[in-house]
N, C-alpha and C. Protein backbone atom coordinates (compact mmCIF):
# COMPACT_ATOMS: atom_id res chain seq x y z
N MET A 1 -103.13 78.98 130.18
CA MET A 1 -101.95 78.23 129.82
C MET A 1 -102.32 77.17 128.79
N SER A 2 -101.59 77.12 127.70
CA SER A 2 -101.89 76.20 126.61
C SER A 2 -101.25 74.84 126.86
N HIS A 3 -101.99 73.81 126.48
CA HIS A 3 -101.47 72.46 126.61
C HIS A 3 -100.95 71.93 125.28
N GLU A 4 -100.78 72.86 124.31
CA GLU A 4 -100.34 72.41 123.01
C GLU A 4 -98.87 72.02 123.07
N HIS A 5 -98.57 70.91 122.47
CA HIS A 5 -97.20 70.49 122.29
C HIS A 5 -97.14 69.66 121.02
N GLU A 6 -95.99 69.64 120.44
CA GLU A 6 -95.87 68.96 119.15
C GLU A 6 -95.03 67.71 119.31
N HIS A 7 -95.52 66.63 118.73
CA HIS A 7 -94.79 65.38 118.67
C HIS A 7 -94.48 65.14 117.20
N GLU A 8 -93.25 64.83 116.90
CA GLU A 8 -92.92 64.46 115.53
C GLU A 8 -92.40 63.05 115.53
N HIS A 9 -92.83 62.31 114.53
CA HIS A 9 -92.32 60.96 114.38
C HIS A 9 -92.31 60.63 112.91
N GLU A 10 -91.20 60.13 112.44
CA GLU A 10 -91.06 59.83 111.03
C GLU A 10 -91.80 58.57 110.68
N HIS A 11 -92.61 58.68 109.69
CA HIS A 11 -93.36 57.56 109.13
C HIS A 11 -92.74 57.36 107.75
N GLU A 12 -92.94 56.28 107.13
CA GLU A 12 -92.25 55.99 105.89
C GLU A 12 -92.68 56.86 104.71
N HIS A 13 -93.62 57.77 104.87
CA HIS A 13 -94.17 58.47 103.70
C HIS A 13 -94.08 59.99 103.66
N GLY A 14 -93.65 60.80 104.55
CA GLY A 14 -93.69 62.26 104.48
C GLY A 14 -94.15 62.82 105.80
N LEU A 15 -94.57 64.09 105.90
CA LEU A 15 -94.92 64.69 107.20
C LEU A 15 -96.36 65.16 107.24
N HIS A 16 -97.12 64.75 108.26
CA HIS A 16 -98.49 65.18 108.52
C HIS A 16 -98.60 65.58 109.98
N SER A 17 -99.48 66.50 110.30
CA SER A 17 -99.74 66.87 111.67
C SER A 17 -101.21 66.64 111.99
N HIS A 18 -101.47 66.19 113.21
CA HIS A 18 -102.84 65.96 113.69
C HIS A 18 -102.99 66.68 115.02
N VAL A 19 -104.10 67.38 115.20
CA VAL A 19 -104.40 68.02 116.46
C VAL A 19 -105.34 67.10 117.23
N HIS A 20 -104.92 66.69 118.41
CA HIS A 20 -105.73 65.80 119.24
C HIS A 20 -106.75 66.61 120.03
N GLU A 21 -107.76 65.92 120.58
CA GLU A 21 -108.82 66.59 121.33
C GLU A 21 -108.28 67.43 122.48
N ASP A 22 -107.14 67.03 123.06
CA ASP A 22 -106.57 67.79 124.17
C ASP A 22 -105.76 68.99 123.70
N GLY A 23 -105.72 69.20 122.38
CA GLY A 23 -105.00 70.35 121.83
C GLY A 23 -103.57 70.03 121.42
N SER A 24 -103.08 68.85 121.77
CA SER A 24 -101.71 68.49 121.39
C SER A 24 -101.66 68.21 119.89
N ILE A 25 -100.49 68.40 119.32
CA ILE A 25 -100.30 68.20 117.90
C ILE A 25 -99.39 66.99 117.71
N HIS A 26 -99.81 66.08 116.85
CA HIS A 26 -99.01 64.90 116.56
C HIS A 26 -98.65 64.96 115.08
N SER A 27 -97.37 64.94 114.78
CA SER A 27 -96.92 64.98 113.39
C SER A 27 -96.33 63.65 113.02
N HIS A 28 -96.60 63.23 111.79
CA HIS A 28 -95.95 62.06 111.26
C HIS A 28 -95.83 62.19 109.75
N SER A 29 -95.02 61.37 109.18
CA SER A 29 -94.72 61.46 107.76
C SER A 29 -95.72 60.72 106.91
N HIS A 30 -95.89 61.21 105.65
CA HIS A 30 -96.76 60.50 104.72
C HIS A 30 -96.68 61.17 103.35
N ASP A 31 -96.00 60.58 102.40
CA ASP A 31 -95.92 61.10 101.03
C ASP A 31 -96.66 60.19 100.09
N HIS A 32 -97.13 60.75 99.01
CA HIS A 32 -97.72 59.97 97.93
C HIS A 32 -96.96 60.35 96.68
N ASP A 33 -97.06 59.52 95.68
CA ASP A 33 -96.36 59.81 94.44
C ASP A 33 -97.15 60.79 93.56
N HIS A 34 -98.22 61.35 94.07
CA HIS A 34 -98.97 62.38 93.36
C HIS A 34 -99.05 63.60 94.26
N GLY A 35 -99.39 64.76 93.68
CA GLY A 35 -99.27 66.01 94.40
C GLY A 35 -100.45 66.42 95.24
N HIS A 36 -101.49 65.62 95.33
CA HIS A 36 -102.69 65.96 96.09
C HIS A 36 -103.31 67.28 95.64
N VAL A 37 -103.23 67.57 94.37
CA VAL A 37 -103.92 68.73 93.81
C VAL A 37 -105.13 68.16 93.08
N HIS A 38 -106.31 68.45 93.62
CA HIS A 38 -107.52 67.90 93.06
C HIS A 38 -108.44 69.01 92.58
N GLU A 39 -109.47 68.62 91.88
CA GLU A 39 -110.37 69.59 91.26
C GLU A 39 -111.00 70.55 92.27
N ASN A 40 -111.16 70.14 93.51
CA ASN A 40 -111.81 70.99 94.52
C ASN A 40 -110.85 71.63 95.51
N GLN A 41 -109.55 71.60 95.21
CA GLN A 41 -108.57 72.12 96.16
C GLN A 41 -108.83 73.60 96.50
N LYS A 42 -109.08 74.42 95.50
CA LYS A 42 -109.31 75.85 95.76
C LYS A 42 -110.57 76.04 96.60
N ALA A 43 -111.63 75.28 96.30
CA ALA A 43 -112.87 75.38 97.08
C ALA A 43 -112.64 74.97 98.53
N VAL A 44 -111.84 73.93 98.73
CA VAL A 44 -111.54 73.47 100.10
C VAL A 44 -110.77 74.54 100.84
N VAL A 45 -109.76 75.11 100.21
CA VAL A 45 -108.97 76.16 100.86
C VAL A 45 -109.85 77.34 101.22
N ASN A 46 -110.75 77.74 100.31
CA ASN A 46 -111.66 78.86 100.58
C ASN A 46 -112.62 78.53 101.73
N ARG A 47 -113.15 77.31 101.75
CA ARG A 47 -114.05 76.90 102.84
C ARG A 47 -113.32 76.90 104.18
N LEU A 48 -112.09 76.42 104.18
CA LEU A 48 -111.31 76.41 105.42
C LEU A 48 -111.02 77.83 105.90
N ALA A 49 -110.71 78.71 104.99
CA ALA A 49 -110.46 80.11 105.36
C ALA A 49 -111.70 80.73 105.99
N ARG A 50 -112.87 80.45 105.41
CA ARG A 50 -114.12 80.97 105.99
C ARG A 50 -114.39 80.36 107.36
N ALA A 51 -114.13 79.05 107.50
CA ALA A 51 -114.35 78.39 108.80
C ALA A 51 -113.41 78.96 109.86
N ILE A 52 -112.16 79.23 109.47
CA ILE A 52 -111.21 79.83 110.40
C ILE A 52 -111.70 81.21 110.84
N GLY A 53 -112.16 82.00 109.88
CA GLY A 53 -112.69 83.33 110.22
C GLY A 53 -113.89 83.22 111.14
N HIS A 54 -114.76 82.27 110.87
CA HIS A 54 -115.95 82.07 111.69
C HIS A 54 -115.55 81.64 113.10
N LEU A 55 -114.57 80.75 113.20
CA LEU A 55 -114.11 80.29 114.50
C LEU A 55 -113.47 81.43 115.29
N GLU A 56 -112.74 82.30 114.60
CA GLU A 56 -112.18 83.48 115.26
C GLU A 56 -113.30 84.36 115.83
N LYS A 57 -114.40 84.48 115.08
CA LYS A 57 -115.56 85.25 115.55
C LYS A 57 -116.15 84.60 116.79
N VAL A 58 -116.26 83.27 116.80
CA VAL A 58 -116.77 82.56 117.97
C VAL A 58 -115.88 82.82 119.17
N LYS A 59 -114.58 82.79 118.95
CA LYS A 59 -113.63 83.07 120.04
C LYS A 59 -113.86 84.48 120.60
N SER A 60 -114.06 85.44 119.72
CA SER A 60 -114.30 86.81 120.21
C SER A 60 -115.64 86.91 120.93
N MET A 61 -116.63 86.12 120.49
CA MET A 61 -117.92 86.10 121.19
C MET A 61 -117.73 85.64 122.64
N VAL A 62 -116.91 84.61 122.82
CA VAL A 62 -116.65 84.10 124.17
C VAL A 62 -115.93 85.18 124.98
N GLU A 63 -114.92 85.81 124.38
CA GLU A 63 -114.16 86.85 125.07
C GLU A 63 -115.04 88.04 125.45
N GLU A 64 -116.05 88.33 124.62
CA GLU A 64 -116.93 89.47 124.85
C GLU A 64 -118.13 89.11 125.72
N GLY A 65 -118.24 87.86 126.14
CA GLY A 65 -119.29 87.46 127.06
C GLY A 65 -120.65 87.24 126.43
N TYR A 66 -120.69 86.84 125.16
CA TYR A 66 -121.97 86.53 124.53
C TYR A 66 -122.67 85.40 125.28
N ASP A 67 -123.96 85.34 125.11
CA ASP A 67 -124.77 84.28 125.69
C ASP A 67 -124.26 82.91 125.22
N CYS A 68 -124.18 81.97 126.16
CA CYS A 68 -123.67 80.63 125.84
C CYS A 68 -124.46 79.96 124.73
N SER A 69 -125.76 80.16 124.70
CA SER A 69 -126.59 79.55 123.65
C SER A 69 -126.17 80.05 122.27
N GLU A 70 -125.91 81.35 122.16
CA GLU A 70 -125.47 81.92 120.89
C GLU A 70 -124.13 81.35 120.47
N VAL A 71 -123.22 81.19 121.43
CA VAL A 71 -121.90 80.63 121.14
C VAL A 71 -122.04 79.19 120.65
N LEU A 72 -122.89 78.41 121.31
CA LEU A 72 -123.08 77.01 120.92
C LEU A 72 -123.65 76.90 119.51
N VAL A 73 -124.58 77.78 119.15
CA VAL A 73 -125.15 77.77 117.81
C VAL A 73 -124.06 78.08 116.78
N GLN A 74 -123.21 79.04 117.08
CA GLN A 74 -122.14 79.39 116.15
C GLN A 74 -121.10 78.27 116.06
N LEU A 75 -120.80 77.63 117.18
CA LEU A 75 -119.89 76.48 117.15
C LEU A 75 -120.46 75.36 116.30
N SER A 76 -121.75 75.17 116.38
CA SER A 76 -122.40 74.15 115.56
C SER A 76 -122.22 74.48 114.08
N ALA A 77 -122.31 75.74 113.73
CA ALA A 77 -122.13 76.16 112.34
C ALA A 77 -120.70 75.89 111.88
N VAL A 78 -119.73 76.14 112.75
CA VAL A 78 -118.33 75.88 112.42
C VAL A 78 -118.13 74.38 112.22
N ARG A 79 -118.67 73.57 113.13
CA ARG A 79 -118.54 72.11 113.02
C ARG A 79 -119.15 71.62 111.70
N SER A 80 -120.31 72.13 111.36
CA SER A 80 -120.97 71.75 110.11
C SER A 80 -120.11 72.12 108.90
N ALA A 81 -119.53 73.32 108.93
CA ALA A 81 -118.67 73.76 107.82
C ALA A 81 -117.46 72.84 107.69
N LEU A 82 -116.87 72.46 108.82
CA LEU A 82 -115.71 71.56 108.78
C LEU A 82 -116.10 70.17 108.29
N ASN A 83 -117.24 69.66 108.74
CA ASN A 83 -117.70 68.35 108.28
C ASN A 83 -117.96 68.36 106.78
N ASN A 84 -118.59 69.40 106.28
CA ASN A 84 -118.86 69.50 104.84
C ASN A 84 -117.57 69.61 104.04
N THR A 85 -116.58 70.32 104.58
CA THR A 85 -115.28 70.42 103.92
C THR A 85 -114.61 69.04 103.91
N GLY A 86 -114.71 68.32 105.02
CA GLY A 86 -114.15 66.98 105.08
C GLY A 86 -114.78 66.05 104.05
N LYS A 87 -116.06 66.20 103.82
CA LYS A 87 -116.75 65.38 102.82
C LYS A 87 -116.19 65.65 101.42
N ILE A 88 -115.91 66.89 101.13
CA ILE A 88 -115.33 67.24 99.81
C ILE A 88 -113.94 66.62 99.68
N ILE A 89 -113.14 66.72 100.73
CA ILE A 89 -111.80 66.13 100.71
C ILE A 89 -111.90 64.62 100.54
N LEU A 90 -112.81 63.99 101.26
CA LEU A 90 -112.99 62.54 101.16
C LEU A 90 -113.39 62.14 99.75
N GLU A 91 -114.34 62.87 99.17
CA GLU A 91 -114.77 62.55 97.81
C GLU A 91 -113.62 62.68 96.82
N ASP A 92 -112.86 63.77 96.92
CA ASP A 92 -111.69 63.93 96.06
C ASP A 92 -110.70 62.78 96.25
N HIS A 93 -110.47 62.42 97.51
CA HIS A 93 -109.53 61.35 97.81
C HIS A 93 -109.99 60.03 97.19
N LEU A 94 -111.27 59.75 97.31
CA LEU A 94 -111.81 58.52 96.71
C LEU A 94 -111.68 58.54 95.19
N ARG A 95 -112.05 59.65 94.58
CA ARG A 95 -112.06 59.74 93.13
C ARG A 95 -110.66 59.73 92.51
N HIS A 96 -109.67 60.17 93.25
CA HIS A 96 -108.33 60.29 92.68
C HIS A 96 -107.35 59.32 93.34
N CYS A 97 -107.06 59.54 94.60
CA CYS A 97 -106.02 58.76 95.29
C CYS A 97 -106.39 57.29 95.42
N ILE A 98 -107.60 57.01 95.82
CA ILE A 98 -107.99 55.62 96.06
C ILE A 98 -108.16 54.87 94.75
N VAL A 99 -108.69 55.53 93.73
CA VAL A 99 -108.77 54.90 92.42
C VAL A 99 -107.37 54.49 91.97
N GLU A 100 -106.43 55.41 92.13
CA GLU A 100 -105.03 55.13 91.76
C GLU A 100 -104.45 54.01 92.63
N ALA A 101 -104.75 54.03 93.91
CA ALA A 101 -104.25 52.99 94.82
C ALA A 101 -104.78 51.61 94.43
N VAL A 102 -106.05 51.54 94.07
CA VAL A 102 -106.65 50.27 93.66
C VAL A 102 -105.97 49.79 92.37
N GLU A 103 -105.79 50.71 91.43
CA GLU A 103 -105.13 50.35 90.17
C GLU A 103 -103.71 49.83 90.41
N ASP A 104 -103.02 50.40 91.42
CA ASP A 104 -101.64 50.01 91.74
C ASP A 104 -101.56 48.86 92.73
N GLY A 105 -102.73 48.39 93.24
CA GLY A 105 -102.73 47.32 94.24
C GLY A 105 -102.19 47.78 95.59
N ASP A 106 -102.35 49.05 95.89
CA ASP A 106 -101.81 49.66 97.12
C ASP A 106 -102.81 49.52 98.26
N ARG A 107 -102.71 48.42 99.02
CA ARG A 107 -103.61 48.17 100.15
C ARG A 107 -103.36 49.14 101.29
N GLN A 108 -102.14 49.62 101.46
CA GLN A 108 -101.83 50.52 102.57
C GLN A 108 -102.62 51.81 102.46
N SER A 109 -102.76 52.36 101.25
CA SER A 109 -103.55 53.59 101.08
C SER A 109 -105.01 53.37 101.45
N ILE A 110 -105.53 52.20 101.13
CA ILE A 110 -106.92 51.89 101.48
C ILE A 110 -107.05 51.74 102.99
N ASP A 111 -106.09 51.05 103.62
CA ASP A 111 -106.09 50.93 105.08
C ASP A 111 -105.98 52.30 105.74
N ASP A 112 -105.13 53.17 105.19
CA ASP A 112 -104.97 54.53 105.72
C ASP A 112 -106.28 55.30 105.62
N LEU A 113 -106.99 55.14 104.49
CA LEU A 113 -108.28 55.81 104.31
C LEU A 113 -109.28 55.32 105.35
N CYS A 114 -109.34 54.02 105.55
CA CYS A 114 -110.27 53.46 106.56
C CYS A 114 -109.97 54.04 107.94
N ASP A 115 -108.70 54.14 108.29
CA ASP A 115 -108.31 54.72 109.57
C ASP A 115 -108.72 56.20 109.65
N ALA A 116 -108.49 56.93 108.57
CA ALA A 116 -108.85 58.36 108.54
C ALA A 116 -110.36 58.54 108.66
N ILE A 117 -111.14 57.68 108.00
CA ILE A 117 -112.61 57.78 108.10
C ILE A 117 -113.06 57.52 109.53
N ARG A 118 -112.47 56.51 110.18
CA ARG A 118 -112.84 56.24 111.58
C ARG A 118 -112.57 57.47 112.46
N LYS A 119 -111.43 58.12 112.26
CA LYS A 119 -111.09 59.30 113.07
C LYS A 119 -111.99 60.49 112.71
N PHE A 120 -112.30 60.66 111.43
CA PHE A 120 -113.14 61.77 110.98
C PHE A 120 -114.57 61.63 111.50
N MET A 121 -115.05 60.39 111.60
CA MET A 121 -116.44 60.14 111.97
C MET A 121 -116.67 60.16 113.48
N LYS A 122 -115.64 60.32 114.28
CA LYS A 122 -115.81 60.32 115.75
C LYS A 122 -116.78 61.37 116.19
């Protein structure tokens, strides 16, 4: 039985979803005046697609009764792939969005980034 449920709440900027550790999904709004298309967008999408495929393989390993040690090693590889993808997103965000926010005097974007880094680094 899945514990996934979705919460939506309007924030002043657009719509985002977050998956919590318990599997629940929290959505809130967040728009920017730019399109979030950065130089590494295609690479990030490709990395995420590979990580999703790898995670599906890990799921099938569990279903097929693979040794727990093997599953843990593969999960570690998925976590590493996601962390590396997050680093690319963070770098793009710093180079584009945050530079623009600083130029515009937008403290909220910087505060949002600090909050996102705290959550990403958990």
